[in-house]
Amino acid sequence: MDVYVRFWGTRGSIPAPGHSTRKFGGNTSCVEIRIGNTLLVCDAGTGIRELGLDLLERGDDALEMHLFFSHMHWDHIQGFPFFVPAYQPSNTLYVYETAPGADRVQRLLHGQMQSDHFPVVFTDLGVFMVARHFDNHRKSSFGEIKVACFEQNHPGTSYAYAFECEGKKVVYATDNEIDLTLENGDRVADHPDELRRPPIEFLRFIEGADLLIADGQYTDEEYLQKVGWGHARANTVVDAAVQAGVEQCAVFHHDPLHNDLRLEQIMHQGRRRAEAHGAGLALFGAREGLELKL
């Protein structure tokens, strides 16, 4: 079964539109994954607005969509009220909660559309919205697609998702400060070129992914001033992908202060690092409009 991945928003924290970011994009997090005829959407940052418009142009009068949130911070939900397919009664939207019986996602989506924050209320959405829940083992499935979620290190908690079908695996793992959980963190502080070792549980979660989409917002130098802010160093993401045998890694959640040139430099450094560790990892910066077929 063919798997397609398209990036609609790749920026972290706040939109950063402009000439200097036009290659990698300025919209906040949103990724479309299509597995056969099944449409999966990860996060609803400002990029989801353009995804919605594109879905209308595709001409499907009865969309069925599956929406997964890494977490509910503003930059990951702020595009949802502008997602046009959510206003159409002929469409169905499955929204996933990470624990049995939870309702946090729908409560916070509802909350951001209260009149103090937004002129259109949540009840004006016409879409048939259905809450789905992961089980106690954080597993779910529909059709031939298996989905797992993994709790990450981020203020307020975030979740990574692994989507698997017929031997293909895509992992979406943004907003994860894996640097705070390194097994050799003390040694790496003095030897930054040494292979950084994330917890084995995380490595197993991303192991063998055909595509890993991972938050690598900071450089090594920037991270020293931003410890505890919930984001990883790009070089640490590279090391995790190398150890987990990932085929392709898209560095994601770009810092709003990083222009296209700076991101190109970071990716170049990351590719050199992967080569130094003896890996054939295909590393690139996620950019808006890029579509991959796995």
C-alpha atoms as a PDB file:
ATOM      1  CA  MET A   1       0.000   0.000   0.000  1.00  0.00           C
ATOM      2  CA  ASP A   2       1.408   3.391  -0.968  1.00  0.00           C
ATOM      3  CA  VAL A   3       2.236   5.863   1.798  1.00  0.00           C
ATOM      4  CA  TYR A   4       2.455   9.588   1.060  1.00  0.00           C
ATOM      5  CA  VAL A   5       3.630  12.271   3.488  1.00  0.00           C
ATOM      6  CA  ARG A   6       3.221  15.992   2.847  1.00  0.00           C
ATOM      7  CA  PHE A   7       4.380  18.877   5.023  1.00  0.00           C
ATOM      8  CA  TRP A   8       1.948  21.770   5.424  1.00  0.00           C
ATOM      9  CA  GLY A   9       3.548  23.494   8.412  1.00  0.00           C
ATOM     10  CA  THR A  10       7.101  22.957   9.670  1.00  0.00           C
ATOM     11  CA  ARG A  11       7.798  25.899  11.975  1.00  0.00           C
ATOM     12  CA  GLY A  12       7.798  25.811  15.768  1.00  0.00           C
ATOM     13  CA  SER A  13       6.555  28.216  18.442  1.00  0.00           C
ATOM     14  CA  ILE A  14       5.091  30.954  16.217  1.00  0.00           C
ATOM     15  CA  PRO A  15       4.538  31.483  12.472  1.00  0.00           C
ATOM     16  CA  ALA A  16       7.523  33.063  10.735  1.00  0.00           C
ATOM     17  CA  PRO A  17       6.426  34.086   7.222  1.00  0.00           C
ATOM     18  CA  GLY A  18       8.641  36.169   4.983  1.00  0.00           C
ATOM     19  CA  HIS A  19      11.230  36.203   2.257  1.00  0.00           C
ATOM     20  CA  SER A  20      13.972  34.689   4.439  1.00  0.00           C
ATOM     21  CA  THR A  21      11.858  31.615   5.317  1.00  0.00           C
ATOM     22  CA  ARG A  22      10.092  30.951   2.038  1.00  0.00           C
ATOM     23  CA  LYS A  23      12.016  27.722   1.282  1.00  0.00           C
ATOM     24  CA  PHE A  24      11.340  25.866   4.534  1.00  0.00           C
ATOM     25  CA  GLY A  25       8.142  27.748   5.267  1.00  0.00           C
ATOM     26  CA  GLY A  26       6.669  29.844   8.034  1.00  0.00           C
ATOM     27  CA  ASN A  27       3.506  27.964   9.036  1.00  0.00           C
ATOM     28  CA  THR A  28       3.368  26.042  12.302  1.00  0.00           C
ATOM     29  CA  SER A  29       3.089  22.276  12.618  1.00  0.00           C
ATOM     30  CA  CYS A  30       0.853  20.239  10.334  1.00  0.00           C
ATOM     31  CA  VAL A  31       1.697  17.032   8.469  1.00  0.00           C
ATOM     32  CA  GLU A  32      -0.565  15.018   6.172  1.00  0.00           C
ATOM     33  CA  ILE A  33      -0.066  11.249   5.912  1.00  0.00           C
ATOM     34  CA  ARG A  34      -2.053   9.242   3.363  1.00  0.00           C
ATOM     35  CA  ILE A  35      -2.009   5.470   3.617  1.00  0.00           C
ATOM     36  CA  GLY A  36      -4.046   4.038   0.771  1.00  0.00           C
ATOM     37  CA  ASN A  37      -7.342   5.911   0.964  1.00  0.00           C
ATOM     38  CA  THR A  38      -6.947   6.829   4.641  1.00  0.00           C
ATOM     39  CA  LEU A  39      -6.160  10.449   5.520  1.00  0.00           C
ATOM     40  CA  LEU A  40      -4.177  11.108   8.711  1.00  0.00           C
ATOM     41  CA  VAL A  41      -3.319  14.592   9.978  1.00  0.00           C
ATOM     42  CA  CYS A  42      -0.724  15.307  12.657  1.00  0.00           C
ATOM     43  CA  ASP A  43      -1.275  18.593  14.502  1.00  0.00           C
ATOM     44  CA  ALA A  44      -3.334  21.621  13.538  1.00  0.00           C
ATOM     45  CA  GLY A  45      -0.932  24.533  13.461  1.00  0.00           C
ATOM     46  CA  THR A  46      -1.414  27.265  10.881  1.00  0.00           C
ATOM     47  CA  GLY A  47      -0.414  24.857   8.121  1.00  0.00           C
ATOM     48  CA  ILE A  48      -3.746  23.038   8.421  1.00  0.00           C
ATOM     49  CA  ARG A  49      -5.526  25.997   6.817  1.00  0.00           C
ATOM     50  CA  GLU A  50      -3.837  25.370   3.480  1.00  0.00           C
ATOM     51  CA  LEU A  51      -4.318  21.625   3.842  1.00  0.00           C
ATOM     52  CA  GLY A  52      -8.044  22.239   4.208  1.00  0.00           C
ATOM     53  CA  LEU A  53      -8.190  24.371   1.081  1.00  0.00           C
ATOM     54  CA  ASP A  54      -6.263  21.732  -0.840  1.00  0.00           C
ATOM     55  CA  LEU A  55      -8.651  19.013   0.336  1.00  0.00           C
ATOM     56  CA  LEU A  56     -11.562  21.034  -1.056  1.00  0.00           C
ATOM     57  CA  GLU A  57      -9.843  21.267  -4.435  1.00  0.00           C
ATOM     58  CA  ARG A  58      -9.461  17.477  -4.509  1.00  0.00           C
ATOM     59  CA  GLY A  59     -13.241  17.330  -4.781  1.00  0.00           C
ATOM     60  CA  ASP A  60     -14.149  14.680  -2.200  1.00  0.00           C
ATOM     61  CA  ASP A  61     -17.645  15.464  -0.930  1.00  0.00           C
ATOM     62  CA  ALA A  62     -17.430  13.117   2.073  1.00  0.00           C
ATOM     63  CA  LEU A  63     -14.007  13.275   3.673  1.00  0.00           C
ATOM     64  CA  GLU A  64     -13.017  10.932   6.471  1.00  0.00           C
ATOM     65  CA  MET A  65     -10.102  12.371   8.443  1.00  0.00           C
ATOM     66  CA  HIS A  66      -8.087  11.168  11.442  1.00  0.00           C
ATOM     67  CA  LEU A  67      -6.542  13.963  13.539  1.00  0.00           C
ATOM     68  CA  PHE A  68      -3.687  13.356  16.010  1.00  0.00           C
ATOM     69  CA  PHE A  69      -2.312  16.071  18.293  1.00  0.00           C
ATOM     70  CA  SER A  70       1.192  15.905  19.720  1.00  0.00           C
ATOM     71  CA  HIS A  71      -0.074  18.234  22.456  1.00  0.00           C
ATOM     72  CA  MET A  72      -2.292  21.259  22.816  1.00  0.00           C
ATOM     73  CA  HIS A  73       0.123  24.174  22.915  1.00  0.00           C
ATOM     74  CA  TRP A  74      -0.971  27.139  20.856  1.00  0.00           C
ATOM     75  CA  ASP A  75       1.313  26.602  17.870  1.00  0.00           C
ATOM     76  CA  HIS A  76      -0.158  23.111  17.362  1.00  0.00           C
ATOM     77  CA  ILE A  77      -3.845  24.036  17.490  1.00  0.00           C
ATOM     78  CA  GLN A  78      -4.078  27.627  16.234  1.00  0.00           C
ATOM     79  CA  GLY A  79      -4.974  26.655  12.671  1.00  0.00           C
ATOM     80  CA  PHE A  80      -7.909  24.416  13.582  1.00  0.00           C
ATOM     81  CA  PRO A  81     -10.612  27.146  13.506  1.00  0.00           C
ATOM     82  CA  PHE A  82      -9.543  27.899   9.909  1.00  0.00           C
ATOM     83  CA  PHE A  83      -9.743  24.275   8.729  1.00  0.00           C
ATOM     84  CA  VAL A  84     -12.606  24.588   6.225  1.00  0.00           C
ATOM     85  CA  PRO A  85     -13.459  20.835   6.010  1.00  0.00           C
ATOM     86  CA  ALA A  86     -14.415  20.998   9.709  1.00  0.00           C
ATOM     87  CA  TYR A  87     -17.400  23.178   8.778  1.00  0.00           C
ATOM     88  CA  GLN A  88     -18.911  20.724   6.280  1.00  0.00           C
ATOM     89  CA  PRO A  89     -21.596  18.301   7.570  1.00  0.00           C
ATOM     90  CA  SER A  90     -20.760  15.700   4.931  1.00  0.00           C
ATOM     91  CA  ASN A  91     -17.307  15.146   6.461  1.00  0.00           C
ATOM     92  CA  THR A  92     -16.261  12.957   9.397  1.00  0.00           C
ATOM     93  CA  LEU A  93     -13.390  13.879  11.705  1.00  0.00           C
ATOM     94  CA  TYR A  94     -11.946  11.355  14.156  1.00  0.00           C
ATOM     95  CA  VAL A  95     -10.058  13.109  16.952  1.00  0.00           C
ATOM     96  CA  TYR A  96      -7.731  10.947  19.023  1.00  0.00           C
ATOM     97  CA  GLU A  97      -7.307  11.123  22.786  1.00  0.00           C
ATOM     98  CA  THR A  98      -4.219   9.457  24.244  1.00  0.00           C
ATOM     99  CA  ALA A  99      -5.925   7.662  27.144  1.00  0.00           C
ATOM    100  CA  PRO A 100      -9.209   5.778  27.638  1.00  0.00           C
ATOM    101  CA  GLY A 101     -12.048   8.116  28.618  1.00  0.00           C
ATOM    102  CA  ALA A 102     -10.009  11.296  28.150  1.00  0.00           C
ATOM    103  CA  ASP A 103     -11.604  14.430  26.677  1.00  0.00           C
ATOM    104  CA  ARG A 104      -8.750  16.940  26.938  1.00  0.00           C
ATOM    105  CA  VAL A 105      -8.256  17.421  23.194  1.00  0.00           C
ATOM    106  CA  GLN A 106     -11.875  18.262  22.476  1.00  0.00           C
ATOM    107  CA  ARG A 107     -12.147  20.471  25.579  1.00  0.00           C
ATOM    108  CA  LEU A 108      -9.176  22.585  24.529  1.00  0.00           C
ATOM    109  CA  LEU A 109     -10.283  22.802  20.902  1.00  0.00           C
ATOM    110  CA  HIS A 110     -13.634  23.999  22.220  1.00  0.00           C
ATOM    111  CA  GLY A 111     -11.931  26.449  24.571  1.00  0.00           C
ATOM    112  CA  GLN A 112      -9.892  28.239  21.911  1.00  0.00           C
ATOM    113  CA  MET A 113     -13.104  28.946  19.997  1.00  0.00           C
ATOM    114  CA  GLN A 114     -14.870  30.668  22.867  1.00  0.00           C
ATOM    115  CA  SER A 115     -15.872  34.250  22.166  1.00  0.00           C
ATOM    116  CA  ASP A 116     -13.028  35.700  24.242  1.00  0.00           C
ATOM    117  CA  HIS A 117     -10.561  34.177  21.778  1.00  0.00           C
ATOM    118  CA  PHE A 118     -12.364  33.674  18.471  1.00  0.00           C
ATOM    119  CA  PRO A 119     -15.556  35.004  16.801  1.00  0.00           C
ATOM    120  CA  VAL A 120     -16.850  31.615  15.599  1.00  0.00           C
ATOM    121  CA  VAL A 121     -17.896  29.141  18.293  1.00  0.00           C
ATOM    122  CA  PHE A 122     -17.054  25.446  18.351  1.00  0.00           C
ATOM    123  CA  THR A 123     -20.699  24.424  17.899  1.00  0.00           C
ATOM    124  CA  ASP A 124     -20.715  26.126  14.486  1.00  0.00           C
ATOM    125  CA  LEU A 125     -18.516  23.339  13.155  1.00  0.00           C
ATOM    126  CA  GLY A 126     -20.637  21.201  10.878  1.00  0.00           C
ATOM    127  CA  VAL A 127     -18.344  18.182  10.681  1.00  0.00           C
ATOM    128  CA  PHE A 128     -19.395  14.908  12.309  1.00  0.00           C
ATOM    129  CA  MET A 129     -16.727  14.730  15.020  1.00  0.00           C
ATOM    130  CA  VAL A 130     -15.977  11.445  16.751  1.00  0.00           C
ATOM    131  CA  ALA A 131     -13.665  10.953  19.719  1.00  0.00           C
ATOM    132  CA  ARG A 132     -11.414   7.906  19.582  1.00  0.00           C
ATOM    133  CA  HIS A 133      -9.148   6.713  22.356  1.00  0.00           C
ATOM    134  CA  PHE A 134      -5.919   4.777  22.591  1.00  0.00           C
ATOM    135  CA  ASP A 135      -6.108   1.803  24.928  1.00  0.00           C
ATOM    136  CA  ASN A 136      -4.185   1.391  28.182  1.00  0.00           C
ATOM    137  CA  HIS A 137      -1.136   0.265  26.186  1.00  0.00           C
ATOM    138  CA  ARG A 138      -1.372   3.388  23.995  1.00  0.00           C
ATOM    139  CA  LYS A 139      -2.258   1.333  20.931  1.00  0.00           C
ATOM    140  CA  SER A 140      -4.978   1.805  18.335  1.00  0.00           C
ATOM    141  CA  SER A 141      -5.802   0.493  14.883  1.00  0.00           C
ATOM    142  CA  PHE A 142      -8.230   0.960  12.016  1.00  0.00           C
ATOM    143  CA  GLY A 143      -8.292  -1.129   8.894  1.00  0.00           C
ATOM    144  CA  GLU A 144      -4.768  -2.365   8.249  1.00  0.00           C
ATOM    145  CA  ILE A 145      -3.163   0.628   9.960  1.00  0.00           C
ATOM    146  CA  LYS A 146      -1.671   0.248  13.432  1.00  0.00           C
ATOM    147  CA  VAL A 147      -0.978   3.325  15.541  1.00  0.00           C
ATOM    148  CA  ALA A 148       1.024   3.631  18.746  1.00  0.00           C
ATOM    149  CA  CYS A 149       1.684   6.711  20.869  1.00  0.00           C
ATOM    150  CA  PHE A 150       4.641   7.434  23.129  1.00  0.00           C
ATOM    151  CA  GLU A 151       4.824   9.957  25.978  1.00  0.00           C
ATOM    152  CA  GLN A 152       7.605  12.491  25.469  1.00  0.00           C
ATOM    153  CA  ASN A 153       9.551  14.989  27.552  1.00  0.00           C
ATOM    154  CA  HIS A 154       7.902  18.388  27.100  1.00  0.00           C
ATOM    155  CA  PRO A 155       6.301  20.942  29.459  1.00  0.00           C
ATOM    156  CA  GLY A 156       2.743  19.683  29.943  1.00  0.00           C
ATOM    157  CA  THR A 157       3.646  16.434  28.118  1.00  0.00           C
ATOM    158  CA  SER A 158       3.547  15.662  24.417  1.00  0.00           C
ATOM    159  CA  TYR A 159       3.097  12.442  22.431  1.00  0.00           C
ATOM    160  CA  ALA A 160       4.827  10.890  19.462  1.00  0.00           C
ATOM    161  CA  TYR A 161       2.898   8.677  17.037  1.00  0.00           C
ATOM    162  CA  ALA A 162       4.049   5.691  15.007  1.00  0.00           C
ATOM    163  CA  PHE A 163       1.923   4.674  12.019  1.00  0.00           C
ATOM    164  CA  GLU A 164       2.547   1.226  10.510  1.00  0.00           C
ATOM    165  CA  CYS A 165       0.987  -0.580   7.577  1.00  0.00           C
ATOM    166  CA  GLU A 166       2.273  -3.428   5.412  1.00  0.00           C
ATOM    167  CA  GLY A 167       5.855  -3.010   6.562  1.00  0.00           C
ATOM    168  CA  LYS A 168       5.959   0.792   6.192  1.00  0.00           C
ATOM    169  CA  LYS A 169       6.502   2.947   9.285  1.00  0.00           C
ATOM    170  CA  VAL A 170       6.197   6.710   9.755  1.00  0.00           C
ATOM    171  CA  VAL A 171       6.940   8.324  13.130  1.00  0.00           C
ATOM    172  CA  TYR A 172       5.838  11.825  14.076  1.00  0.00           C
ATOM    173  CA  ALA A 173       7.804  12.943  17.151  1.00  0.00           C
ATOM    174  CA  THR A 174       7.774  16.677  17.677  1.00  0.00           C
ATOM    175  CA  ASP A 175       8.243  18.724  20.872  1.00  0.00           C
ATOM    176  CA  ASN A 176      10.449  16.238  22.664  1.00  0.00           C
ATOM    177  CA  GLU A 177      13.422  17.403  24.722  1.00  0.00           C
ATOM    178  CA  ILE A 178      15.341  14.160  24.458  1.00  0.00           C
ATOM    179  CA  ASP A 179      18.528  15.951  25.520  1.00  0.00           C
ATOM    180  CA  LEU A 180      17.267  15.968  29.120  1.00  0.00           C
ATOM    181  CA  THR A 181      16.861  12.196  29.048  1.00  0.00           C
ATOM    182  CA  LEU A 182      20.178  11.137  27.493  1.00  0.00           C
ATOM    183  CA  GLU A 183      21.761   8.125  29.144  1.00  0.00           C
ATOM    184  CA  ASN A 184      25.217   9.651  28.672  1.00  0.00           C
ATOM    185  CA  GLY A 185      24.242  13.290  29.128  1.00  0.00           C
ATOM    186  CA  ASP A 186      27.074  14.174  31.517  1.00  0.00           C
ATOM    187  CA  ARG A 187      29.749  12.814  29.199  1.00  0.00           C
ATOM    188  CA  VAL A 188      28.199  14.412  26.110  1.00  0.00           C
ATOM    189  CA  ALA A 189      28.375  17.809  27.806  1.00  0.00           C
ATOM    190  CA  ASP A 190      32.187  17.580  27.660  1.00  0.00           C
ATOM    191  CA  HIS A 191      32.407  15.542  24.434  1.00  0.00           C
ATOM    192  CA  PRO A 192      29.709  16.933  22.078  1.00  0.00           C
ATOM    193  CA  ASP A 193      30.883  14.842  19.114  1.00  0.00           C
ATOM    194  CA  GLU A 194      30.248  11.599  20.981  1.00  0.00           C
ATOM    195  CA  LEU A 195      27.143   9.610  20.018  1.00  0.00           C
ATOM    196  CA  ARG A 196      24.281  10.751  22.241  1.00  0.00           C
ATOM    197  CA  ARG A 197      22.187   7.950  23.679  1.00  0.00           C
ATOM    198  CA  PRO A 198      18.453   8.590  24.170  1.00  0.00           C
ATOM    199  CA  PRO A 199      16.441   6.229  26.395  1.00  0.00           C
ATOM    200  CA  ILE A 200      16.123   2.759  24.912  1.00  0.00           C
ATOM    201  CA  GLU A 201      12.319   3.042  25.043  1.00  0.00           C
ATOM    202  CA  PHE A 202      12.387   5.971  22.625  1.00  0.00           C
ATOM    203  CA  LEU A 203      14.837   4.238  20.317  1.00  0.00           C
ATOM    204  CA  ARG A 204      12.604   1.187  20.191  1.00  0.00           C
ATOM    205  CA  PHE A 205       9.601   3.372  19.379  1.00  0.00           C
ATOM    206  CA  ILE A 206      11.268   4.955  16.349  1.00  0.00           C
ATOM    207  CA  GLU A 207      13.284   1.872  15.379  1.00  0.00           C
ATOM    208  CA  GLY A 208      13.395   1.037  11.679  1.00  0.00           C
ATOM    209  CA  ALA A 209      11.171   3.942  10.624  1.00  0.00           C
ATOM    210  CA  ASP A 210      11.033   4.603   6.896  1.00  0.00           C
ATOM    211  CA  LEU A 211      10.533   8.234   7.889  1.00  0.00           C
ATOM    212  CA  LEU A 212      11.100   9.917  11.245  1.00  0.00           C
ATOM    213  CA  ILE A 213       9.735  13.455  11.603  1.00  0.00           C
ATOM    214  CA  ALA A 214      11.401  14.844  14.713  1.00  0.00           C
ATOM    215  CA  ASP A 215      11.748  18.131  16.551  1.00  0.00           C
ATOM    216  CA  GLY A 216      15.298  19.459  16.225  1.00  0.00           C
ATOM    217  CA  GLN A 217      14.659  23.121  16.954  1.00  0.00           C
ATOM    218  CA  TYR A 218      18.001  24.130  18.472  1.00  0.00           C
ATOM    219  CA  THR A 219      21.663  24.058  17.632  1.00  0.00           C
ATOM    220  CA  ASP A 220      24.052  22.800  20.295  1.00  0.00           C
ATOM    221  CA  GLU A 221      25.013  26.376  21.149  1.00  0.00           C
ATOM    222  CA  GLU A 222      21.424  27.671  21.388  1.00  0.00           C
ATOM    223  CA  TYR A 223      20.307  24.814  23.588  1.00  0.00           C
ATOM    224  CA  LEU A 224      22.579  25.906  26.450  1.00  0.00           C
ATOM    225  CA  GLN A 225      20.309  28.935  26.957  1.00  0.00           C
ATOM    226  CA  LYS A 226      17.053  27.018  26.491  1.00  0.00           C
ATOM    227  CA  VAL A 227      17.327  23.902  28.630  1.00  0.00           C
ATOM    228  CA  GLY A 228      13.876  22.914  29.872  1.00  0.00           C
ATOM    229  CA  TRP A 229      12.000  24.653  27.057  1.00  0.00           C
ATOM    230  CA  GLY A 230      10.894  21.309  25.621  1.00  0.00           C
ATOM    231  CA  HIS A 231      12.857  20.992  22.378  1.00  0.00           C
ATOM    232  CA  ALA A 232      15.813  18.972  21.128  1.00  0.00           C
ATOM    233  CA  ARG A 233      19.124  19.776  19.532  1.00  0.00           C
ATOM    234  CA  ALA A 234      19.210  18.878  15.838  1.00  0.00           C
ATOM    235  CA  ASN A 235      22.425  16.907  16.374  1.00  0.00           C
ATOM    236  CA  THR A 236      20.753  14.814  19.068  1.00  0.00           C
ATOM    237  CA  VAL A 237      17.952  13.937  16.658  1.00  0.00           C
ATOM    238  CA  VAL A 238      20.574  12.809  14.154  1.00  0.00           C
ATOM    239  CA  ASP A 239      22.177  10.528  16.748  1.00  0.00           C
ATOM    240  CA  ALA A 240      18.813   9.034  17.720  1.00  0.00           C
ATOM    241  CA  ALA A 241      17.952   8.296  14.086  1.00  0.00           C
ATOM    242  CA  VAL A 242      21.358   6.696  13.521  1.00  0.00           C
ATOM    243  CA  GLN A 243      21.023   4.361  16.520  1.00  0.00           C
ATOM    244  CA  ALA A 244      17.439   3.405  15.656  1.00  0.00           C
ATOM    245  CA  GLY A 245      18.247   2.448  12.077  1.00  0.00           C
ATOM    246  CA  VAL A 246      15.955   5.088  10.609  1.00  0.00           C
ATOM    247  CA  GLU A 247      16.005   5.335   6.813  1.00  0.00           C
ATOM    248  CA  GLN A 248      14.995   8.996   6.408  1.00  0.00           C
ATOM    249  CA  CYS A 249      14.831  11.748   9.033  1.00  0.00           C
ATOM    250  CA  ALA A 250      13.070  15.078   8.582  1.00  0.00           C
ATOM    251  CA  VAL A 251      14.236  17.651  11.128  1.00  0.00           C
ATOM    252  CA  PHE A 252      11.071  19.528  12.085  1.00  0.00           C
ATOM    253  CA  HIS A 253       9.653  22.338  14.257  1.00  0.00           C
ATOM    254  CA  HIS A 254      12.169  24.877  12.977  1.00  0.00           C
ATOM    255  CA  ASP A 255      13.036  27.777  15.241  1.00  0.00           C
ATOM    256  CA  PRO A 256      11.274  30.996  14.132  1.00  0.00           C
ATOM    257  CA  LEU A 257      14.663  32.763  14.243  1.00  0.00           C
ATOM    258  CA  HIS A 258      16.255  30.326  11.773  1.00  0.00           C
ATOM    259  CA  ASN A 259      16.099  31.555   8.191  1.00  0.00           C
ATOM    260  CA  ASP A 260      16.554  29.310   5.161  1.00  0.00           C
ATOM    261  CA  LEU A 261      20.310  29.770   5.051  1.00  0.00           C
ATOM    262  CA  ARG A 262      20.724  28.894   8.720  1.00  0.00           C
ATOM    263  CA  LEU A 263      18.611  25.775   8.318  1.00  0.00           C
ATOM    264  CA  GLU A 264      20.667  24.676   5.328  1.00  0.00           C
ATOM    265  CA  GLN A 265      23.796  25.001   7.482  1.00  0.00           C
ATOM    266  CA  ILE A 266      22.235  22.961  10.298  1.00  0.00           C
ATOM    267  CA  MET A 267      21.220  20.193   7.890  1.00  0.00           C
ATOM    268  CA  HIS A 268      24.701  20.135   6.356  1.00  0.00           C
ATOM    269  CA  GLN A 269      26.243  19.742   9.810  1.00  0.00           C
ATOM    270  CA  GLY A 270      23.754  16.995  10.623  1.00  0.00           C
ATOM    271  CA  ARG A 271      24.562  15.022   7.478  1.00  0.00           C
ATOM    272  CA  ARG A 272      28.271  15.244   8.251  1.00  0.00           C
ATOM    273  CA  ARG A 273      27.570  14.020  11.771  1.00  0.00           C
ATOM    274  CA  ALA A 274      25.607  11.015  10.507  1.00  0.00           C
ATOM    275  CA  GLU A 275      28.430  10.151   8.114  1.00  0.00           C
ATOM    276  CA  ALA A 276      30.964  10.416  10.932  1.00  0.00           C
ATOM    277  CA  HIS A 277      28.936   7.820  12.850  1.00  0.00           C
ATOM    278  CA  GLY A 278      29.033   5.539   9.812  1.00  0.00           C
ATOM    279  CA  ALA A 279      25.346   5.831   8.954  1.00  0.00           C
ATOM    280  CA  GLY A 280      23.696   6.160   5.552  1.00  0.00           C
ATOM    281  CA  LEU A 281      20.874   8.229   7.025  1.00  0.00           C
ATOM    282  CA  ALA A 282      18.996  10.457   4.564  1.00  0.00           C
ATOM    283  CA  LEU A 283      18.683  13.662   6.599  1.00  0.00           C
ATOM    284  CA  PHE A 284      16.826  16.792   5.485  1.00  0.00           C
ATOM    285  CA  GLY A 285      14.937  19.738   6.841  1.00  0.00           C
ATOM    286  CA  ALA A 286      11.168  19.459   6.600  1.00  0.00           C
ATOM    287  CA  ARG A 287       9.825  22.131   4.269  1.00  0.00           C
ATOM    288  CA  GLU A 288       6.340  23.217   3.368  1.00  0.00           C
ATOM    289  CA  GLY A 289       4.958  21.656   0.214  1.00  0.00           C
ATOM    290  CA  LEU A 290       7.394  18.749   0.192  1.00  0.00           C
ATOM    291  CA  GLU A 291       5.635  15.443  -0.539  1.00  0.00           C
ATOM    292  CA  LEU A 292       7.302  12.050  -0.109  1.00  0.00           C
ATOM    293  CA  LYS A 293       6.215   8.655  -1.359  1.00  0.00           C
ATOM    294  CA  LEU A 294       7.441   5.810   0.838  1.00  0.00           C
END
